Amino acid sequence: MAAVLAALLAGCSSGDKGEEGGPAEISATVISTFKPGSNETRFGALEFVGGLELSSNNVFLGAISALRLRPDQRHFIAVLDTGHWMTGIIERDDEGRLKGVGDARITPMIDRHGGTDAGKGDMDAEGLALRGDHVLVSYEQYHRVDAYPDPGFEISPPDGSLPLPIPRLQLRANHSLEALMIAPQSSPLAGSAVLVTEDSLDDQGDMLAAILDGPLNGRFTVRRHAGFSVSDGVFLPDGDLLLLERRFGLMHGLGVRIRRIAGADIKPGAVVDGDVIFEAGSTAQIDNMEGIDVFRAADGSLHVILISDDNHSILQRSLMLEFRLHDESVVSQK
C-alpha cells in the first residue's frame, strides 16, 4: 500500500512527452456501475449516470487538472498540469449516457513570453474557468491566475492576469491555486472569480481562499476536515458552491468527496464550511479526482461531471464520471 500511494502521489512516467501537440484519438471504455459488482446508483445527493475510462496512444493524454463545458454541453476545454490545453466533444449514446470523446486536440499552452516549454514549475496549470471572452487559468508553483483570449486561447499568450489577494509567501509550492470558478452573475458575488487553495493553510489549519474581483473582493478561508484537500469547485445556478476534495493516506487509502457551501456565506473574512453531499473510497470507480463541472440536462436536472488526473502513471486512470444531482435547492444546516 505504501508503495502504491507513493506512486500515485509522484506519478510514474509513461514515456517521453516531447514539446509538440495536436489531434488525439481517444479510446473510451464505458463504466456502467460506480461500485463494481453492485447495481447501486444513489450515493448521497448524487445518482450515478455513467462513466468512461479514457486512453490514447497520444502520450500527452493524462494529468487532467480541470474541465469546463461550453454552453452547448458537448464541447469542452481542459487543462493539463503539464502545461497543455485539451479540447474535444463529449459523445453520448442513444440513451444520453457517456459514450466517448471525439475531435480531441492537445496543444501546449503559450506563456506570457510566447514560449511553450517553460517547464513544470512555470506552467503547472490546476484551475480553469470560462468568463466572457476569456479563459482563466490558475497555476501552482509560479503562483498566478492568467487570462487568455477566447476564442484564440490555444494559439495565444495570456493578455492579462488577475491580482492575488493572498500573499505569495503563504502559498505552498505544489499545494496552492487549485480551484478556480466563476460565481453566477445573479449572486451577491456578481460573476466574480473565486479561488480556493489545495493545501495552503492559515494558522488555524484552514485552506486559504479569495474572491479575486467584483464587489466583495477579498480573502476568506475554507474549513479543512479529515485530511481532505480541495482539488476543484463549481458554482451552482443558485449561487451555492460545490467543492471537490480528495484524500490519500495509508490509513484511509484513496478518497473523494463533495462539500456544498452556501453562496451567501462566501465573503471577505469568512470561514466557510458545508455539508458533505457525496463521498466515495477505493471500492468505487474513482481515482485522483481533480476536476468538477455542472450542467443542466435536457430534462431540467443538474448533472455533475468529475474528471481524474492520472499523473501519467501506469497505476492510475483518466476517468470521466457523470452523476445527477438531487435536492439541488437544499443546503442542510450544520
Protein backbone atom coordinates (compact mmCIF):
# COMPACT_ATOMS: atom_id res chain seq x y z
CA MET A 1 0.00 0.00 0.00
CA ALA A 2 2.80 2.43 0.85
CA ALA A 3 4.48 1.84 -2.49
CA VAL A 4 1.22 2.26 -4.39
CA LEU A 5 0.35 5.50 -2.62
CA ALA A 6 3.82 6.89 -3.22
CA ALA A 7 3.45 6.14 -6.92
CA LEU A 8 0.02 7.76 -7.00
CA LEU A 9 1.36 10.93 -5.44
CA ALA A 10 4.50 11.15 -7.54
CA GLY A 11 3.30 9.68 -10.84
CA CYS A 12 5.09 7.10 -12.96
CA SER A 13 6.17 8.42 -16.35
CA SER A 14 4.69 6.59 -19.33
CA GLY A 15 7.18 7.95 -21.83
CA ASP A 16 8.93 11.00 -23.27
CA LYS A 17 6.23 13.56 -23.98
CA GLY A 18 8.25 15.98 -26.08
CA GLU A 19 7.07 19.52 -26.78
CA GLU A 20 4.51 19.24 -29.60
CA GLY A 21 0.79 18.53 -29.51
CA GLY A 22 -2.09 18.09 -31.91
CA PRO A 23 -5.01 15.76 -32.61
CA ALA A 24 -5.51 13.00 -30.07
CA GLU A 25 -7.54 9.90 -30.86
CA ILE A 26 -9.08 8.89 -27.55
CA SER A 27 -10.43 5.44 -26.77
CA ALA A 28 -13.14 5.12 -24.14
CA THR A 29 -14.18 2.14 -22.04
CA VAL A 30 -17.69 2.56 -20.65
CA ILE A 31 -18.14 2.36 -16.87
CA SER A 32 -21.69 1.17 -16.20
CA THR A 33 -21.60 0.83 -12.40
CA PHE A 34 -19.95 3.11 -9.86
CA LYS A 35 -19.31 0.25 -7.43
CA PRO A 36 -18.10 -2.92 -9.20
CA GLY A 37 -20.41 -5.82 -8.51
CA SER A 38 -23.23 -3.58 -7.31
CA ASN A 39 -26.23 -2.06 -9.10
CA GLU A 40 -26.44 0.73 -6.53
CA THR A 41 -26.79 4.13 -8.20
CA ARG A 42 -27.52 6.59 -5.37
CA PHE A 43 -24.56 7.95 -3.39
CA GLY A 44 -25.52 10.77 -1.08
CA ALA A 45 -27.09 13.57 -3.13
CA LEU A 46 -25.66 12.16 -6.37
CA GLU A 47 -27.09 9.48 -8.64
CA PHE A 48 -24.58 7.73 -10.89
CA VAL A 49 -25.46 8.07 -14.58
CA GLY A 50 -22.38 6.65 -16.31
CA GLY A 51 -18.67 6.98 -16.84
CA LEU A 52 -15.69 6.48 -19.11
CA GLU A 53 -12.09 5.37 -18.74
CA LEU A 54 -10.04 7.30 -21.31
CA SER A 55 -6.85 6.20 -23.03
CA SER A 56 -4.88 7.18 -26.10
CA ASN A 57 -1.69 6.42 -28.00
CA ASN A 58 -1.06 10.16 -27.79
CA VAL A 59 1.35 10.36 -24.86
CA PHE A 60 0.08 13.81 -23.87
CA LEU A 61 -3.27 12.46 -22.66
CA GLY A 62 -3.33 12.46 -18.87
CA ALA A 63 -2.67 14.79 -15.93
CA ILE A 64 -6.08 16.45 -16.47
CA SER A 65 -6.48 19.08 -13.77
CA ALA A 66 -9.76 20.78 -14.67
CA LEU A 67 -12.51 20.64 -17.29
CA ARG A 68 -15.19 23.15 -18.26
CA LEU A 69 -18.11 22.57 -20.61
CA ARG A 70 -19.11 25.07 -23.26
CA PRO A 71 -22.76 26.28 -23.26
CA ASP A 72 -23.75 23.53 -25.73
CA GLN A 73 -22.77 20.99 -23.02
CA ARG A 74 -20.83 18.95 -25.61
CA HIS A 75 -17.66 20.89 -26.36
CA PHE A 76 -15.19 21.24 -23.52
CA ILE A 77 -11.88 22.82 -22.56
CA ALA A 78 -9.49 21.15 -20.12
CA VAL A 79 -6.06 21.99 -18.76
CA LEU A 80 -3.30 19.50 -18.02
CA ASP A 81 -0.78 20.18 -15.27
CA THR A 82 1.95 19.52 -17.83
CA GLY A 83 1.12 22.91 -19.37
CA HIS A 84 -1.27 21.77 -22.12
CA TRP A 85 -4.76 22.56 -23.34
CA MET A 86 -7.15 19.77 -24.24
CA THR A 87 -10.34 20.38 -26.22
CA GLY A 88 -12.91 17.97 -27.56
CA ILE A 89 -16.53 16.87 -27.77
CA ILE A 90 -18.34 14.62 -25.31
CA GLU A 91 -20.18 11.89 -27.22
CA ARG A 92 -23.33 10.17 -25.94
CA ASP A 93 -25.30 7.07 -26.89
CA ASP A 94 -28.98 6.93 -27.83
CA GLU A 95 -29.96 6.95 -24.16
CA GLY A 96 -27.87 10.04 -23.44
CA ARG A 97 -25.13 8.26 -21.50
CA LEU A 98 -21.43 8.97 -21.92
CA LYS A 99 -20.02 7.09 -24.91
CA GLY A 100 -16.71 8.68 -25.82
CA VAL A 101 -14.64 11.79 -26.53
CA GLY A 102 -14.28 12.97 -30.10
CA ASP A 103 -12.44 15.64 -32.06
CA ALA A 104 -9.85 15.90 -29.28
CA ARG A 105 -6.78 18.11 -29.52
CA ILE A 106 -3.95 18.52 -27.02
CA THR A 107 -1.75 21.58 -27.54
CA PRO A 108 0.97 23.28 -25.47
CA MET A 109 -0.03 26.37 -23.54
CA ILE A 110 1.81 29.55 -24.54
CA ASP A 111 3.33 31.51 -21.69
CA ARG A 112 3.48 35.29 -21.35
CA HIS A 113 6.81 35.36 -23.19
CA GLY A 114 5.44 33.46 -26.20
CA GLY A 115 7.15 30.18 -25.30
CA THR A 116 5.71 26.68 -24.96
CA ASP A 117 8.41 24.95 -22.94
CA ALA A 118 8.66 26.91 -19.72
CA GLY A 119 8.77 23.74 -17.61
CA LYS A 120 6.52 22.27 -14.94
CA GLY A 121 7.41 24.95 -12.38
CA ASP A 122 6.06 27.76 -14.57
CA MET A 123 3.15 26.02 -16.33
CA ASP A 124 1.62 23.77 -13.64
CA ALA A 125 -1.99 24.51 -14.64
CA GLU A 126 -4.52 23.49 -11.97
CA GLY A 127 -7.71 25.59 -12.12
CA LEU A 128 -9.82 26.63 -15.09
CA ALA A 129 -12.77 28.99 -15.54
CA LEU A 130 -14.64 30.47 -18.51
CA ARG A 131 -15.83 34.06 -18.28
CA GLY A 132 -17.00 36.18 -21.17
CA ASP A 133 -14.27 36.47 -23.79
CA HIS A 134 -11.52 34.95 -21.63
CA VAL A 135 -10.36 31.61 -20.33
CA LEU A 136 -8.86 31.95 -16.85
CA VAL A 137 -6.20 29.52 -15.60
CA SER A 138 -4.66 29.26 -12.13
CA TYR A 139 -1.15 27.91 -11.73
CA GLU A 140 0.76 26.34 -8.86
CA GLN A 141 4.47 26.79 -8.10
CA TYR A 142 4.72 30.04 -10.08
CA HIS A 143 1.51 31.24 -8.44
CA ARG A 144 -0.79 33.32 -10.68
CA VAL A 145 -4.12 33.48 -12.49
CA ASP A 146 -3.67 34.27 -16.18
CA ALA A 147 -6.36 35.33 -18.65
CA TYR A 148 -6.30 34.02 -22.24
CA PRO A 149 -8.42 35.44 -25.07
CA ASP A 150 -11.39 33.31 -26.09
CA PRO A 151 -11.55 32.42 -28.90
CA GLY A 152 -7.85 32.06 -29.63
CA PHE A 153 -6.58 30.77 -26.29
CA GLU A 154 -4.82 27.77 -27.87
CA ILE A 155 -2.58 29.95 -30.03
CA SER A 156 -2.19 32.98 -27.78
CA PRO A 157 -0.20 34.01 -24.73
CA PRO A 158 -2.20 35.42 -21.80
CA ASP A 159 -3.24 39.03 -22.28
CA GLY A 160 -3.57 39.76 -18.58
CA SER A 161 -3.55 38.39 -15.02
CA LEU A 162 -5.91 38.71 -12.06
CA PRO A 163 -4.47 40.17 -8.85
CA LEU A 164 -4.00 37.74 -5.96
CA PRO A 165 -5.19 38.96 -2.54
CA ILE A 166 -3.24 36.09 -0.93
CA PRO A 167 0.46 36.87 -0.29
CA ARG A 168 2.57 34.50 -2.35
CA LEU A 169 4.74 33.67 0.66
CA GLN A 170 1.70 31.98 2.21
CA LEU A 171 1.22 29.68 -0.80
CA ARG A 172 2.80 26.22 -0.78
CA ALA A 173 4.75 25.40 -3.94
CA ASN A 174 2.74 22.39 -5.11
CA HIS A 175 -0.40 22.86 -3.00
CA SER A 176 -1.73 26.29 -3.90
CA LEU A 177 -4.07 27.70 -6.57
CA GLU A 178 -6.09 24.54 -7.18
CA ALA A 179 -9.75 25.50 -7.65
CA LEU A 180 -10.90 28.41 -9.81
CA MET A 181 -14.56 29.13 -10.53
CA ILE A 182 -16.94 31.91 -11.59
CA ALA A 183 -19.92 32.85 -9.42
CA PRO A 184 -23.30 33.40 -11.11
CA GLN A 185 -23.88 36.98 -12.21
CA SER A 186 -27.17 36.99 -10.29
CA SER A 187 -25.50 36.09 -6.97
CA PRO A 188 -24.08 38.57 -4.42
CA LEU A 189 -20.64 37.78 -5.85
CA ALA A 190 -21.88 39.14 -9.20
CA GLY A 191 -19.81 36.99 -11.55
CA SER A 192 -16.58 37.23 -9.55
CA ALA A 193 -13.72 34.80 -9.93
CA VAL A 194 -13.24 32.75 -6.75
CA LEU A 195 -10.15 30.77 -5.81
CA VAL A 196 -9.58 28.06 -3.18
CA THR A 197 -6.13 26.64 -2.45
CA GLU A 198 -5.41 22.94 -2.18
CA ASP A 199 -3.39 22.81 0.99
CA SER A 200 -2.05 26.28 1.72
CA LEU A 201 -3.29 26.79 5.27
CA ASP A 202 -3.68 29.61 7.75
CA ASP A 203 -2.66 29.42 11.42
CA GLN A 204 -5.94 27.61 12.25
CA GLY A 205 -5.28 24.92 9.65
CA ASP A 206 -7.94 26.16 7.22
CA MET A 207 -7.47 26.47 3.46
CA LEU A 208 -6.73 29.93 2.09
CA ALA A 209 -9.22 31.28 -0.43
CA ALA A 210 -10.09 34.55 -2.15
CA ILE A 211 -12.65 36.45 -4.18
CA LEU A 212 -10.39 37.87 -6.87
CA ASP A 213 -12.55 40.74 -8.13
CA GLY A 214 -16.04 42.22 -8.00
CA PRO A 215 -17.96 43.92 -5.18
CA LEU A 216 -16.81 41.51 -2.43
CA ASN A 217 -13.15 41.28 -3.37
CA GLY A 218 -11.04 39.90 -0.54
CA ARG A 219 -9.78 36.86 1.36
CA PHE A 220 -11.66 34.12 3.20
CA THR A 221 -10.86 30.58 4.33
CA VAL A 222 -12.42 27.13 3.95
CA ARG A 223 -12.57 24.80 6.92
CA ARG A 224 -10.42 21.69 6.39
CA HIS A 225 -11.63 18.33 7.69
CA ALA A 226 -10.35 14.75 7.92
CA GLY A 227 -7.27 15.23 5.77
CA PHE A 228 -9.26 16.15 2.63
CA SER A 229 -7.79 18.81 0.33
CA VAL A 230 -9.64 20.84 -2.30
CA SER A 231 -9.00 19.88 -5.92
CA ASP A 232 -11.68 21.88 -7.79
CA GLY A 233 -15.03 23.59 -7.46
CA VAL A 234 -18.03 24.86 -9.37
CA PHE A 235 -20.90 27.20 -8.58
CA LEU A 236 -24.48 26.02 -8.93
CA PRO A 237 -27.02 28.28 -10.66
CA ASP A 238 -28.47 29.27 -7.24
CA GLY A 239 -25.07 30.58 -6.11
CA ASP A 240 -24.02 27.70 -3.84
CA LEU A 241 -20.53 26.28 -4.31
CA LEU A 242 -19.66 22.61 -4.77
CA LEU A 243 -16.11 21.85 -3.62
CA LEU A 244 -14.46 18.67 -4.85
CA GLU A 245 -11.99 17.24 -2.32
CA ARG A 246 -9.62 14.26 -2.33
CA ARG A 247 -7.51 12.36 0.14
CA PHE A 248 -4.53 9.97 0.03
CA GLY A 249 -3.39 8.16 3.13
CA LEU A 250 -2.05 4.88 4.45
CA MET A 251 -4.93 4.60 6.90
CA HIS A 252 -7.84 5.60 4.67
CA GLY A 253 -6.46 4.92 1.19
CA LEU A 254 -7.91 6.87 -1.71
CA GLY A 255 -10.98 9.02 -1.14
CA VAL A 256 -13.10 11.71 -2.77
CA ARG A 257 -16.00 13.81 -1.57
CA ILE A 258 -18.04 16.90 -2.46
CA ARG A 259 -19.00 19.60 0.02
CA ARG A 260 -21.75 22.12 -0.62
CA ILE A 261 -21.04 25.66 0.59
CA ALA A 262 -23.87 28.19 0.92
CA GLY A 263 -23.14 31.00 -1.51
CA ALA A 264 -24.30 33.63 0.97
CA ASP A 265 -21.51 32.57 3.34
CA ILE A 266 -18.73 33.45 0.89
CA LYS A 267 -17.49 36.93 1.77
CA PRO A 268 -14.25 38.60 2.90
CA GLY A 269 -13.11 37.45 6.34
CA ALA A 270 -15.45 34.47 6.49
CA VAL A 271 -14.54 30.91 7.46
CA VAL A 272 -16.87 28.81 5.31
CA ASP A 273 -17.93 25.21 5.75
CA GLY A 274 -20.64 22.98 4.37
CA ASP A 275 -22.23 19.56 4.39
CA VAL A 276 -20.71 16.60 2.58
CA ILE A 277 -23.22 15.62 -0.11
CA PHE A 278 -21.15 12.82 -1.69
CA GLU A 279 -18.27 10.63 -0.59
CA ALA A 280 -16.57 7.55 -2.05
CA GLY A 281 -13.49 5.44 -1.38
CA SER A 282 -11.28 2.95 -3.13
CA THR A 283 -14.07 0.37 -3.51
CA ALA A 284 -15.75 2.68 -6.05
CA GLN A 285 -14.72 3.70 -9.57
CA ILE A 286 -12.59 6.65 -8.55
CA ASP A 287 -9.01 7.74 -8.97
CA ASN A 288 -7.21 11.02 -8.28
CA MET A 289 -10.33 13.12 -8.88
CA GLU A 290 -9.24 16.63 -9.86
CA GLY A 291 -11.99 18.32 -11.84
CA ILE A 292 -15.70 19.07 -11.49
CA ASP A 293 -18.28 20.84 -13.63
CA VAL A 294 -22.08 21.14 -13.64
CA PHE A 295 -24.59 21.42 -16.47
CA ARG A 296 -28.35 21.46 -16.97
CA ALA A 297 -29.57 18.32 -18.74
CA ALA A 298 -32.41 18.21 -21.26
CA ASP A 299 -34.86 17.08 -18.58
CA GLY A 300 -34.02 20.12 -16.45
CA SER A 301 -31.99 18.27 -13.82
CA LEU A 302 -28.46 19.31 -12.86
CA HIS A 303 -25.69 16.88 -13.75
CA VAL A 304 -22.19 16.76 -12.26
CA ILE A 305 -19.13 15.75 -14.30
CA LEU A 306 -15.98 14.58 -12.49
CA ILE A 307 -12.57 14.06 -14.13
CA SER A 308 -9.40 12.45 -12.76
CA ASP A 309 -5.68 13.22 -13.09
CA ASP A 310 -3.70 10.04 -13.77
CA ASN A 311 -0.33 11.76 -13.19
CA HIS A 312 0.84 9.92 -16.33
CA SER A 313 1.15 6.90 -14.05
CA ILE A 314 0.71 3.29 -15.11
CA LEU A 315 -1.04 2.74 -11.77
CA GLN A 316 -3.77 5.33 -12.38
CA ARG A 317 -6.60 6.06 -14.80
CA SER A 318 -8.13 9.03 -16.59
CA LEU A 319 -11.80 8.82 -15.63
CA MET A 320 -14.84 10.87 -16.61
CA LEU A 321 -17.84 10.25 -14.34
CA GLU A 322 -21.36 11.68 -14.56
CA PHE A 323 -23.96 12.00 -11.80
CA ARG A 324 -27.41 13.54 -11.43
CA LEU A 325 -27.66 16.00 -8.53
CA HIS A 326 -30.69 15.56 -6.28
CA ASP A 327 -32.13 18.07 -3.81
CA GLU A 328 -30.31 20.81 -5.68
CA SER A 329 -32.08 23.67 -3.92
CA VAL A 330 -31.43 22.45 -0.38
CA VAL A 331 -28.44 23.10 1.85
CA SER A 332 -28.97 21.38 5.19
CA GLN A 333 -27.91 23.30 8.28
CA LYS A 334 -24.93 22.02 10.28
